Amino acid sequence: IVDVIAADTKDESNCGTTAASRTTYTVGRAVVEAAQELRKKILEIAAEIFHVDPSLIELDGNKVIYNQKERSLPLSEVAKFAEEPISASSVKRVAYSELPVKGAAVSNPHVLYASNVQIAQVAVDIETGEVKVERIVAIPDVGRVIFRDGLTGQFEGGIAMGLGYALMEKLIVKDGKIQNADLVTYPVPTAPDMPRIEVLPIEIPEETGPYGAKGIAELAPLPTAPAIISAIEDAIGIRFTNLPVTPERIIEALEEK
């Protein structure tokens, strides 16, 4: 049995913020390094069992193999020989970017930068002002995809956020109090509002990343609203410069035009 033990803030020193899409990059590098150390220890113990040099042992799935004698052992037997759990850990402290941040108390948490292109297809009803986002295509630069379903889910959620920014979400504050502090008066996108989403990642491995990966968290929602607003402009010839673009605003803009 292999257990992955997560770090806990009560036991660990300050390792910086979980921000700027740096978790996959930083934690991923630590996981790879720890796995390599664990592999080395397993091969060394197996070498003791076979009385050979570790360089002659290979790790293949759930067993170790001594090819010269065509002998193998399951990892469970290697673990029994070790008498105690075989463990490895890695601490990876990735420095903040040296890019200056004016007025910031700490330096920039970004380690790497990635990019994301999104294309929006919308339909605008010029009688009601309703905008239907029919399709979004996202083309992110991810380095290398580690978990495709996770990547797709991240973009589906991020695009939902961006759609809300573009068309629905507006915080109303009066005398210092929020006037629409519930989901009845502050609408957010639900399933019927969601477009068809395609995620087409560009995989150019990042040399310093775990298996070539970069972080992609904040990438997902950032281009969505601008893409939708640009598509609305393409449809009706009006450029909106503040959000959200509600049906009422579209009707008013069309009447003025």
Protein backbone atom coordinates (compact mmCIF):
# COMPACT_ATOMS: atom_id res chain seq x y z
CA ILE A 1 0.00 0.00 0.00
CA VAL A 2 1.30 3.45 -0.92
CA ASP A 3 0.12 6.35 1.24
CA VAL A 4 0.54 9.97 0.15
CA ILE A 5 0.75 12.14 3.26
CA ALA A 6 -0.22 15.73 2.66
CA ALA A 7 1.54 18.58 4.42
CA ASP A 8 -0.27 20.38 7.22
CA THR A 9 0.13 24.05 8.07
CA LYS A 10 0.38 23.21 11.79
CA ASP A 11 3.56 21.22 11.12
CA GLU A 12 5.17 23.03 8.22
CA SER A 13 6.93 26.35 7.90
CA ASN A 14 5.55 29.16 5.77
CA CYS A 15 5.84 28.11 2.13
CA GLY A 16 4.18 31.11 0.55
CA THR A 17 0.74 31.59 -0.90
CA THR A 18 -1.40 29.13 -2.81
CA ALA A 19 -1.77 31.62 -5.62
CA ALA A 20 -0.80 32.50 -9.16
CA SER A 21 -1.45 28.99 -10.52
CA ARG A 22 1.71 27.79 -8.79
CA THR A 23 0.41 24.79 -6.81
CA THR A 24 0.63 22.15 -9.56
CA TYR A 25 4.06 23.45 -10.46
CA THR A 26 5.44 23.58 -6.92
CA VAL A 27 3.72 20.58 -5.34
CA GLY A 28 4.14 18.60 -8.54
CA ARG A 29 7.90 19.10 -8.46
CA ALA A 30 8.01 17.98 -4.83
CA VAL A 31 5.93 14.88 -5.60
CA VAL A 32 8.19 13.90 -8.50
CA GLU A 33 11.30 14.40 -6.38
CA ALA A 34 9.86 12.37 -3.48
CA ALA A 35 8.79 9.58 -5.85
CA GLN A 36 12.28 9.43 -7.31
CA GLU A 37 13.76 9.17 -3.82
CA LEU A 38 11.26 6.44 -2.90
CA ARG A 39 12.15 4.51 -6.04
CA LYS A 40 15.83 4.74 -5.19
CA LYS A 41 15.22 3.32 -1.71
CA ILE A 42 13.12 0.45 -3.07
CA LEU A 43 15.83 -0.51 -5.56
CA GLU A 44 18.50 -0.38 -2.85
CA ILE A 45 16.50 -2.71 -0.58
CA ALA A 46 15.78 -5.07 -3.48
CA ALA A 47 19.49 -5.09 -4.31
CA GLU A 48 20.22 -6.24 -0.75
CA ILE A 49 17.75 -9.09 -1.17
CA PHE A 50 19.30 -10.21 -4.46
CA HIS A 51 22.87 -9.41 -3.29
CA VAL A 52 23.57 -7.32 -6.39
CA ASP A 53 24.22 -3.71 -7.30
CA PRO A 54 21.09 -1.50 -7.36
CA SER A 55 21.84 -0.60 -10.99
CA LEU A 56 20.86 -4.16 -11.94
CA ILE A 57 17.38 -3.86 -10.44
CA GLU A 58 14.37 -2.47 -12.26
CA LEU A 59 11.02 -1.32 -10.89
CA ASP A 60 8.12 -2.57 -13.00
CA GLY A 61 4.65 -1.71 -11.72
CA ASN A 62 4.12 -3.53 -8.43
CA LYS A 63 7.29 -5.61 -8.55
CA VAL A 64 11.07 -5.36 -8.75
CA ILE A 65 13.00 -7.34 -11.34
CA TYR A 66 16.56 -8.64 -11.41
CA ASN A 67 16.90 -9.17 -15.14
CA GLN A 68 20.18 -11.05 -15.22
CA LYS A 69 18.68 -13.98 -13.30
CA GLU A 70 15.10 -13.37 -14.46
CA ARG A 71 14.03 -13.06 -10.86
CA SER A 72 11.34 -10.79 -9.48
CA LEU A 73 9.70 -9.87 -6.19
CA PRO A 74 6.43 -8.07 -5.45
CA LEU A 75 6.78 -4.76 -3.67
CA SER A 76 4.97 -6.26 -0.66
CA GLU A 77 7.92 -8.62 -0.13
CA VAL A 78 10.41 -5.78 -0.47
CA ALA A 79 8.44 -3.84 2.15
CA LYS A 80 8.47 -6.83 4.53
CA PHE A 81 12.25 -7.10 4.18
CA ALA A 82 12.59 -3.43 5.10
CA GLU A 83 10.86 -4.14 8.47
CA GLU A 84 9.45 -0.59 8.57
CA PRO A 85 7.60 1.55 6.03
CA ILE A 86 9.77 2.79 3.18
CA SER A 87 9.26 6.51 3.04
CA ALA A 88 10.51 9.57 1.20
CA SER A 89 9.68 13.26 1.32
CA SER A 90 10.61 16.38 -0.55
CA VAL A 91 10.46 20.05 0.36
CA LYS A 92 10.29 22.35 -2.63
CA ARG A 93 10.46 26.08 -1.96
CA VAL A 94 9.97 27.85 -5.26
CA ALA A 95 11.06 31.46 -5.14
CA TYR A 96 8.65 34.24 -6.02
CA SER A 97 9.13 36.03 -9.28
CA GLU A 98 11.56 38.93 -9.19
CA LEU A 99 9.16 41.08 -11.21
CA PRO A 100 8.45 44.17 -9.12
CA VAL A 101 4.96 44.76 -7.80
CA LYS A 102 4.44 48.43 -6.98
CA GLY A 103 3.26 48.96 -3.42
CA ALA A 104 3.11 45.23 -2.62
CA ALA A 105 4.20 44.00 0.80
CA VAL A 106 5.57 40.78 -0.71
CA SER A 107 7.10 39.95 -4.06
CA ASN A 108 5.13 38.59 -6.99
CA PRO A 109 3.90 35.02 -6.32
CA HIS A 110 3.99 34.17 -10.03
CA VAL A 111 6.67 31.67 -10.95
CA LEU A 112 5.58 30.94 -14.51
CA TYR A 113 3.21 32.64 -16.89
CA ALA A 114 0.84 30.85 -19.22
CA SER A 115 -1.68 32.03 -21.80
CA ASN A 116 -5.23 31.18 -22.81
CA VAL A 117 -7.21 32.07 -25.92
CA GLN A 118 -10.99 31.80 -25.90
CA ILE A 119 -13.45 32.12 -28.77
CA ALA A 120 -17.10 32.87 -28.03
CA GLN A 121 -20.13 32.35 -30.25
CA VAL A 122 -23.26 34.23 -29.17
CA ALA A 123 -26.76 34.94 -30.41
CA VAL A 124 -28.36 38.31 -29.57
CA ASP A 125 -32.13 38.77 -29.69
CA ILE A 126 -32.48 42.38 -30.84
CA GLU A 127 -36.12 42.54 -29.69
CA THR A 128 -35.58 41.38 -26.09
CA GLY A 129 -31.87 42.11 -25.65
CA GLU A 130 -31.27 38.56 -24.48
CA VAL A 131 -27.81 37.13 -25.15
CA LYS A 132 -27.38 33.38 -25.52
CA VAL A 133 -23.79 32.17 -25.34
CA GLU A 134 -23.89 29.15 -27.63
CA ARG A 135 -20.31 27.98 -27.65
CA ILE A 136 -16.93 28.70 -26.06
CA VAL A 137 -13.68 27.23 -27.34
CA ALA A 138 -10.76 27.50 -24.91
CA ILE A 139 -7.19 27.03 -26.13
CA PRO A 140 -4.91 27.14 -23.07
CA ASP A 141 -1.13 26.85 -22.90
CA VAL A 142 -0.76 24.27 -20.12
CA GLY A 143 2.77 22.98 -20.61
CA ARG A 144 1.62 19.38 -20.39
CA VAL A 145 -1.77 18.02 -19.33
CA ILE A 146 -1.47 15.99 -16.12
CA PHE A 147 -5.17 15.21 -15.57
CA ARG A 148 -7.42 15.86 -18.56
CA ASP A 149 -10.76 15.61 -16.69
CA GLY A 150 -9.48 18.03 -14.06
CA LEU A 151 -8.35 20.46 -16.76
CA THR A 152 -11.74 20.30 -18.49
CA GLY A 153 -13.60 20.74 -15.20
CA GLN A 154 -11.46 23.74 -14.29
CA PHE A 155 -12.36 25.42 -17.56
CA GLU A 156 -16.05 24.57 -17.33
CA GLY A 157 -16.20 26.21 -13.90
CA GLY A 158 -14.05 29.15 -14.95
CA ILE A 159 -16.11 29.80 -18.06
CA ALA A 160 -19.27 29.76 -15.93
CA MET A 161 -17.69 32.47 -13.77
CA GLY A 162 -16.68 34.52 -16.80
CA LEU A 163 -20.16 34.22 -18.31
CA GLY A 164 -21.63 35.50 -15.05
CA TYR A 165 -19.26 38.48 -15.06
CA ALA A 166 -20.19 39.31 -18.64
CA LEU A 167 -23.97 39.04 -18.54
CA MET A 168 -25.46 38.76 -15.05
CA GLU A 169 -23.49 39.52 -11.93
CA LYS A 170 -23.70 43.00 -10.47
CA LEU A 171 -23.21 43.83 -6.80
CA ILE A 172 -25.52 46.61 -5.62
CA VAL A 173 -24.31 48.56 -2.59
CA LYS A 174 -26.29 51.31 -0.87
CA ASP A 175 -25.20 53.17 2.27
CA GLY A 176 -22.44 50.64 2.75
CA LYS A 177 -24.79 47.65 2.64
CA ILE A 178 -25.12 45.01 -0.05
CA GLN A 179 -28.66 45.11 -1.43
CA ASN A 180 -28.61 41.84 -3.38
CA ALA A 181 -26.91 39.43 -1.01
CA ASP A 182 -28.72 36.25 -2.07
CA LEU A 183 -29.03 34.12 -5.18
CA VAL A 184 -32.53 35.42 -5.90
CA THR A 185 -31.45 39.02 -6.38
CA TYR A 186 -27.85 38.28 -7.43
CA PRO A 187 -28.19 35.90 -10.40
CA VAL A 188 -25.39 33.54 -11.36
CA PRO A 189 -25.23 31.17 -14.33
CA THR A 190 -27.01 27.83 -13.99
CA ALA A 191 -27.02 24.78 -16.27
CA PRO A 192 -29.45 26.22 -18.89
CA ASP A 193 -27.18 29.27 -19.30
CA MET A 194 -24.07 27.25 -20.08
CA PRO A 195 -22.75 27.02 -23.63
CA ARG A 196 -21.13 24.08 -25.34
CA ILE A 197 -17.52 24.13 -24.17
CA GLU A 198 -14.50 22.75 -25.97
CA VAL A 199 -11.06 22.73 -24.34
CA LEU A 200 -8.19 22.30 -26.80
CA PRO A 201 -4.95 22.50 -24.79
CA ILE A 202 -1.67 23.43 -26.41
CA GLU A 203 1.01 21.16 -24.95
CA ILE A 204 4.48 22.64 -25.09
CA PRO A 205 6.29 21.08 -22.10
CA GLU A 206 7.75 23.48 -19.55
CA GLU A 207 11.30 22.29 -18.91
CA THR A 208 11.26 23.16 -15.21
CA GLY A 209 7.76 21.82 -14.47
CA PRO A 210 6.68 18.38 -13.21
CA TYR A 211 6.57 16.25 -16.38
CA GLY A 212 6.44 19.55 -18.26
CA ALA A 213 3.28 20.88 -16.57
CA LYS A 214 2.30 24.45 -15.71
CA GLY A 215 -0.48 25.72 -13.48
CA ILE A 216 -3.74 26.79 -15.14
CA ALA A 217 -6.16 27.83 -12.36
CA GLU A 218 -6.72 31.54 -12.98
CA LEU A 219 -6.38 31.06 -16.73
CA ALA A 220 -9.85 29.57 -17.05
CA PRO A 221 -12.17 32.57 -16.46
CA LEU A 222 -9.98 35.47 -17.56
CA PRO A 223 -10.70 35.69 -21.33
CA THR A 224 -14.36 34.59 -21.13
CA ALA A 225 -16.06 37.93 -20.52
CA PRO A 226 -13.90 39.82 -23.07
CA ALA A 227 -14.60 37.11 -25.66
CA ILE A 228 -18.36 37.34 -25.04
CA ILE A 229 -18.34 41.14 -25.19
CA SER A 230 -16.37 41.04 -28.45
CA ALA A 231 -18.87 38.55 -29.90
CA ILE A 232 -21.77 40.83 -28.92
CA GLU A 233 -20.01 43.71 -30.66
CA ASP A 234 -19.56 41.56 -33.75
CA ALA A 235 -23.29 40.72 -33.70
CA ILE A 236 -24.83 44.17 -33.16
CA GLY A 237 -22.02 46.62 -33.78
CA ILE A 238 -21.94 48.05 -30.23
CA ARG A 239 -18.96 47.89 -27.90
CA PHE A 240 -19.80 47.71 -24.19
CA THR A 241 -17.06 48.87 -21.82
CA ASN A 242 -18.52 47.95 -18.44
CA LEU A 243 -20.23 44.85 -17.08
CA PRO A 244 -22.64 43.16 -16.89
CA VAL A 245 -24.26 43.57 -20.30
CA THR A 246 -27.89 42.96 -19.37
CA PRO A 247 -30.84 42.74 -21.82
CA GLU A 248 -31.97 46.20 -20.66
CA ARG A 249 -28.62 47.74 -21.54
CA ILE A 250 -28.61 46.09 -24.95
CA ILE A 251 -32.10 47.41 -25.76
CA GLU A 252 -31.11 50.91 -24.62
CA ALA A 253 -27.92 50.79 -26.69
CA LEU A 254 -29.78 49.58 -29.76
CA GLU A 255 -32.37 52.37 -29.40
CA GLU A 256 -29.61 54.96 -29.10
CA LYS A 257 -27.91 53.52 -32.16
